[in-house]
């Protein structure tokens, strides 16, 4: 057993190494990270939604384009979504309504980190949905992504209780994954393109933290702490990214 703490200034979670705080070890033995205390300090200059979680492993998620006119709507683009190639993942189609993208994972997730490489133009309208086992069902974001500028953005939501594996028969989505779909019901004039997308499991989303305030949470009993599974990476989240935000964690490897 190893106890420790990490104190870092971070703008908010993303897929870049600068925001990965620590990874639960896989050797010499597989260990989980149990978070006993968290302090989330918002110094961004405005109120922000804050929290923390862990990144889904690359082997456990898929990303693809959604082509509403195709016989098989899901077009896998996982390799591009996971590599560092700039602006190589289409998030919508210019001037074509109801196209978009799908993110799916073998475990339920609560957020998708998106690094936008090419910003959108026009006045698109987006619709968010999850698969409930029978149909695509409206998903209301806690925080909706912003594709109007390059850089980091995030889709954050509450995982639905009736979220089911797979998607409609014939769509091409992995039947062993939970899927979220984002489509532009009114298309942009210039399609946004992403560099990377990554689903995140949020262990704690504390809600709105006022500027200049800190939210502290303590779990005294080990079994009640939030667990980062072996091999997964702890990442912080803030809806307003700023290098003055501070995330502090006390943890145990077990």
Protein backbone atom coordinates (compact mmCIF):
# COMPACT_ATOMS: atom_id res chain seq x y z
CA UNK A 1 0.00 0.00 0.00
CA UNK A 2 1.27 3.45 -0.90
CA UNK A 3 -0.13 6.78 0.26
CA UNK A 4 0.59 10.05 -1.43
CA UNK A 5 -0.71 13.37 -2.66
CA UNK A 6 -0.53 15.38 -5.82
CA UNK A 7 -0.94 19.14 -6.06
CA UNK A 8 -0.99 20.64 -9.52
CA UNK A 9 -2.06 23.79 -11.33
CA UNK A 10 -4.17 22.78 -14.28
CA UNK A 11 -6.59 24.43 -16.65
CA UNK A 12 -8.93 21.45 -16.93
CA UNK A 13 -8.84 17.92 -18.26
CA UNK A 14 -7.87 17.09 -21.78
CA UNK A 15 -6.08 14.43 -23.77
CA UNK A 16 -2.67 16.06 -23.41
CA UNK A 17 -0.07 14.80 -20.96
CA UNK A 18 0.19 18.12 -19.13
CA UNK A 19 -3.20 17.49 -17.51
CA UNK A 20 -2.68 13.85 -16.55
CA UNK A 21 -1.89 13.83 -12.84
CA UNK A 22 -1.10 10.17 -12.09
CA UNK A 23 -1.79 6.71 -13.44
CA UNK A 24 -2.86 3.67 -11.40
CA UNK A 25 0.04 1.20 -11.71
CA UNK A 26 -0.17 -2.11 -13.53
CA UNK A 27 3.20 -3.48 -12.37
CA UNK A 28 4.76 -5.08 -10.45
CA UNK A 29 1.15 -5.69 -9.38
CA UNK A 30 -2.11 -4.16 -10.58
CA UNK A 31 -3.25 -1.44 -8.19
CA UNK A 32 -6.17 0.95 -7.95
CA UNK A 33 -5.93 4.57 -6.83
CA UNK A 34 -8.37 5.48 -4.05
CA UNK A 35 -8.98 9.24 -3.77
CA UNK A 36 -9.48 10.21 -0.11
CA UNK A 37 -9.52 13.98 -0.41
CA UNK A 38 -9.95 16.46 -3.22
CA UNK A 39 -9.60 20.23 -3.27
CA UNK A 40 -10.75 21.95 -6.46
CA UNK A 41 -9.88 25.66 -6.60
CA UNK A 42 -11.38 27.89 -9.27
CA UNK A 43 -9.19 30.88 -10.11
CA UNK A 44 -10.34 31.34 -13.69
CA UNK A 45 -12.00 34.72 -13.28
CA UNK A 46 -15.56 33.38 -13.61
CA UNK A 47 -17.76 30.66 -12.17
CA UNK A 48 -16.95 27.16 -13.45
CA UNK A 49 -18.21 23.59 -13.26
CA UNK A 50 -15.40 21.45 -11.83
CA UNK A 51 -14.66 17.83 -11.06
CA UNK A 52 -12.30 14.96 -11.82
CA UNK A 53 -12.29 11.49 -13.28
CA UNK A 54 -10.24 9.12 -15.38
CA UNK A 55 -9.63 8.57 -19.08
CA UNK A 56 -11.11 5.50 -20.74
CA UNK A 57 -8.31 3.34 -22.14
CA UNK A 58 -7.71 3.60 -25.87
CA UNK A 59 -8.51 -0.08 -26.37
CA UNK A 60 -11.94 0.42 -24.78
CA UNK A 61 -13.50 3.16 -26.89
CA UNK A 62 -14.36 4.00 -30.49
CA UNK A 63 -15.10 7.20 -32.37
CA UNK A 64 -16.67 7.57 -35.78
CA UNK A 65 -18.47 9.88 -38.14
CA UNK A 66 -22.25 9.72 -38.39
CA UNK A 67 -23.39 9.88 -42.03
CA UNK A 68 -27.19 10.06 -42.01
CA UNK A 69 -27.41 9.30 -45.73
CA UNK A 70 -25.27 6.16 -45.64
CA UNK A 71 -26.60 2.62 -45.43
CA UNK A 72 -24.34 2.06 -42.43
CA UNK A 73 -24.40 5.41 -40.68
CA UNK A 74 -21.40 4.89 -38.39
CA UNK A 75 -18.04 5.27 -40.15
CA UNK A 76 -15.21 4.27 -37.82
CA UNK A 77 -12.50 6.90 -37.34
CA UNK A 78 -11.02 5.72 -34.04
CA UNK A 79 -7.40 5.82 -35.21
CA UNK A 80 -7.65 9.50 -36.12
CA UNK A 81 -9.49 10.32 -32.90
CA UNK A 82 -6.75 8.75 -30.80
CA UNK A 83 -3.67 10.00 -32.63
CA UNK A 84 -2.14 13.48 -32.75
CA UNK A 85 -2.96 14.20 -36.39
CA UNK A 86 -4.43 17.68 -36.59
CA UNK A 87 -7.99 18.31 -37.80
CA UNK A 88 -8.59 14.79 -39.11
CA UNK A 89 -11.89 13.90 -37.37
CA UNK A 90 -15.09 15.35 -38.84
CA UNK A 91 -17.60 16.51 -36.21
CA UNK A 92 -20.24 17.50 -38.77
CA UNK A 93 -20.63 17.99 -42.54
CA UNK A 94 -20.79 21.43 -44.11
CA UNK A 95 -24.29 22.27 -45.39
CA UNK A 96 -25.60 18.73 -44.76
CA UNK A 97 -28.12 18.34 -41.95
CA UNK A 98 -28.13 15.45 -39.47
CA UNK A 99 -24.50 14.39 -39.87
CA UNK A 100 -22.18 14.33 -36.87
CA UNK A 101 -20.17 11.90 -34.78
CA UNK A 102 -20.49 9.05 -32.30
CA UNK A 103 -18.36 8.19 -29.27
CA UNK A 104 -18.78 4.75 -27.72
CA UNK A 105 -17.10 2.94 -24.85
CA UNK A 106 -17.17 -0.47 -23.18
CA UNK A 107 -17.89 1.34 -19.89
CA UNK A 108 -20.34 4.13 -19.22
CA UNK A 109 -18.80 7.60 -19.32
CA UNK A 110 -19.90 11.10 -18.38
CA UNK A 111 -17.82 13.37 -20.59
CA UNK A 112 -16.04 13.60 -23.92
CA UNK A 113 -12.94 15.73 -24.20
CA UNK A 114 -12.61 17.22 -27.68
CA UNK A 115 -9.63 19.11 -29.06
CA UNK A 116 -10.90 21.22 -31.97
CA UNK A 117 -8.39 21.76 -34.77
CA UNK A 118 -10.67 23.57 -37.25
CA UNK A 119 -13.47 25.80 -35.95
CA UNK A 120 -16.96 25.77 -37.38
CA UNK A 121 -18.69 28.63 -39.18
CA UNK A 122 -22.37 29.40 -39.59
CA UNK A 123 -25.17 28.89 -37.08
CA UNK A 124 -25.45 25.13 -36.54
CA UNK A 125 -27.85 23.50 -34.10
CA UNK A 126 -26.73 20.29 -32.39
CA UNK A 127 -28.75 17.44 -30.93
CA UNK A 128 -27.35 14.96 -28.41
CA UNK A 129 -28.60 11.40 -27.95
CA UNK A 130 -27.84 8.07 -26.28
CA UNK A 131 -29.06 4.56 -27.10
CA UNK A 132 -31.67 3.22 -24.65
CA UNK A 133 -31.87 -0.27 -26.16
CA UNK A 134 -34.72 0.61 -28.49
CA UNK A 135 -34.08 4.07 -29.93
CA UNK A 136 -31.84 7.11 -29.87
CA UNK A 137 -33.06 9.23 -26.96
CA UNK A 138 -32.43 12.90 -26.27
CA UNK A 139 -29.48 13.60 -23.98
CA UNK A 140 -29.39 16.97 -22.20
CA UNK A 141 -25.79 18.14 -21.64
CA UNK A 142 -24.62 19.57 -18.35
CA UNK A 143 -22.00 21.38 -20.41
CA UNK A 144 -22.29 21.48 -24.21
CA UNK A 145 -19.16 21.60 -26.38
CA UNK A 146 -18.20 24.76 -28.25
CA UNK A 147 -16.86 24.21 -31.77
CA UNK A 148 -16.59 27.91 -32.67
CA UNK A 149 -12.93 28.14 -31.66
CA UNK A 150 -9.91 25.88 -31.82
CA UNK A 151 -8.57 24.22 -28.70
CA UNK A 152 -10.15 22.22 -25.93
CA UNK A 153 -13.85 21.80 -25.33
CA UNK A 154 -15.98 19.15 -23.63
CA UNK A 155 -19.36 17.49 -23.66
CA UNK A 156 -20.41 16.75 -20.07
CA UNK A 157 -23.63 14.94 -19.13
CA UNK A 158 -25.23 12.72 -16.51
CA UNK A 159 -25.04 9.07 -17.61
CA UNK A 160 -28.67 7.95 -18.14
CA UNK A 161 -29.97 5.08 -16.01
CA UNK A 162 -31.48 3.34 -19.06
CA UNK A 163 -28.36 3.67 -21.24
CA UNK A 164 -28.02 0.38 -23.11
CA UNK A 165 -25.28 -1.32 -25.08
CA UNK A 166 -25.07 -1.04 -28.85
CA UNK A 167 -27.14 0.95 -31.32
CA UNK A 168 -29.77 0.39 -33.95
CA UNK A 169 -29.17 -2.82 -35.95
CA UNK A 170 -27.05 -2.17 -39.02
CA UNK A 171 -25.58 1.15 -37.94
CA UNK A 172 -22.09 -0.30 -37.39
CA UNK A 173 -21.69 0.69 -33.73
CA UNK A 174 -19.95 -1.85 -31.48
CA UNK A 175 -22.68 -3.92 -29.81
CA UNK A 176 -20.56 -4.15 -26.63
CA UNK A 177 -20.27 -0.36 -26.25
CA UNK A 178 -22.37 2.43 -24.77
CA UNK A 179 -22.80 5.09 -27.45
CA UNK A 180 -23.47 8.84 -27.50
CA UNK A 181 -24.36 10.54 -30.78
CA UNK A 182 -23.96 14.23 -31.65
CA UNK A 183 -25.54 15.49 -34.89
CA UNK A 184 -26.01 18.91 -36.46
CA UNK A 185 -29.75 19.11 -37.16
CA UNK A 186 -28.94 22.46 -38.77
CA UNK A 187 -25.59 22.10 -40.49
CA UNK A 188 -22.64 24.51 -40.23
CA UNK A 189 -21.37 26.31 -43.33
CA UNK A 190 -17.84 25.23 -42.38
CA UNK A 191 -17.59 21.87 -40.64
CA UNK A 192 -15.67 21.66 -37.36
CA UNK A 193 -12.79 19.17 -37.30
CA UNK A 194 -11.24 17.61 -34.22
CA UNK A 195 -7.67 16.56 -33.56
CA UNK A 196 -8.52 14.14 -30.73
CA UNK A 197 -11.59 12.89 -28.86
CA UNK A 198 -11.50 10.97 -25.59
CA UNK A 199 -14.27 9.74 -23.29
CA UNK A 200 -13.83 10.36 -19.56
CA UNK A 201 -15.52 8.75 -16.55
CA UNK A 202 -16.22 11.52 -14.06
CA UNK A 203 -15.94 10.29 -10.48
CA UNK A 204 -17.02 13.60 -9.01
CA UNK A 205 -18.68 16.56 -10.70
CA UNK A 206 -19.09 19.10 -7.93
CA UNK A 207 -21.16 21.57 -9.92
CA UNK A 208 -20.61 25.30 -9.98
CA UNK A 209 -17.57 26.59 -8.12
CA UNK A 210 -17.53 30.36 -7.71
CA UNK A 211 -14.48 32.23 -8.89
CA UNK A 212 -11.93 32.43 -6.08
CA UNK A 213 -13.53 29.53 -4.18
CA UNK A 214 -12.35 26.01 -3.31
CA UNK A 215 -14.51 22.91 -2.89
CA UNK A 216 -13.09 20.33 -0.46
CA UNK A 217 -14.31 16.75 -0.16
CA UNK A 218 -12.95 14.11 2.24
CA UNK A 219 -13.68 10.38 2.31
CA UNK A 220 -12.28 9.05 5.60
CA UNK A 221 -13.12 5.39 5.00
CA UNK A 222 -11.03 3.75 2.27
CA UNK A 223 -13.96 1.81 0.84
CA UNK A 224 -15.91 5.02 0.25
CA UNK A 225 -13.17 6.75 -1.72
CA UNK A 226 -13.42 7.28 -5.46
CA UNK A 227 -11.50 4.61 -7.36
CA UNK A 228 -9.22 5.04 -10.37
CA UNK A 229 -8.90 1.51 -11.87
CA UNK A 230 -5.51 0.01 -12.56
CA UNK A 231 -3.92 1.40 -15.71
CA UNK A 232 -6.22 4.44 -15.92
CA UNK A 233 -5.15 8.07 -15.59
CA UNK A 234 -6.57 10.67 -13.20
CA UNK A 235 -7.55 13.89 -14.95
CA UNK A 236 -9.08 17.14 -13.60
CA UNK A 237 -12.01 18.96 -15.19
CA UNK A 238 -13.01 22.62 -15.31
CA UNK A 239 -15.55 24.09 -17.69
CA UNK A 240 -13.45 27.29 -17.71
CA UNK A 241 -9.85 26.34 -18.40
CA UNK A 242 -7.27 28.55 -16.73
CA UNK A 243 -3.70 27.83 -15.67
CA UNK A 244 -4.47 29.36 -12.25
CA UNK A 245 -6.96 26.61 -11.36
CA UNK A 246 -5.59 24.25 -8.71
CA UNK A 247 -6.47 20.58 -8.18
CA UNK A 248 -5.22 18.78 -5.05
CA UNK A 249 -5.71 15.08 -4.31
CA UNK A 250 -4.74 12.76 -1.48
CA UNK A 251 -4.75 9.11 -2.50
CA UNK A 252 -3.78 5.55 -1.72
CA UNK A 253 -2.53 2.81 -4.07
CA UNK A 254 -4.19 -0.46 -3.12
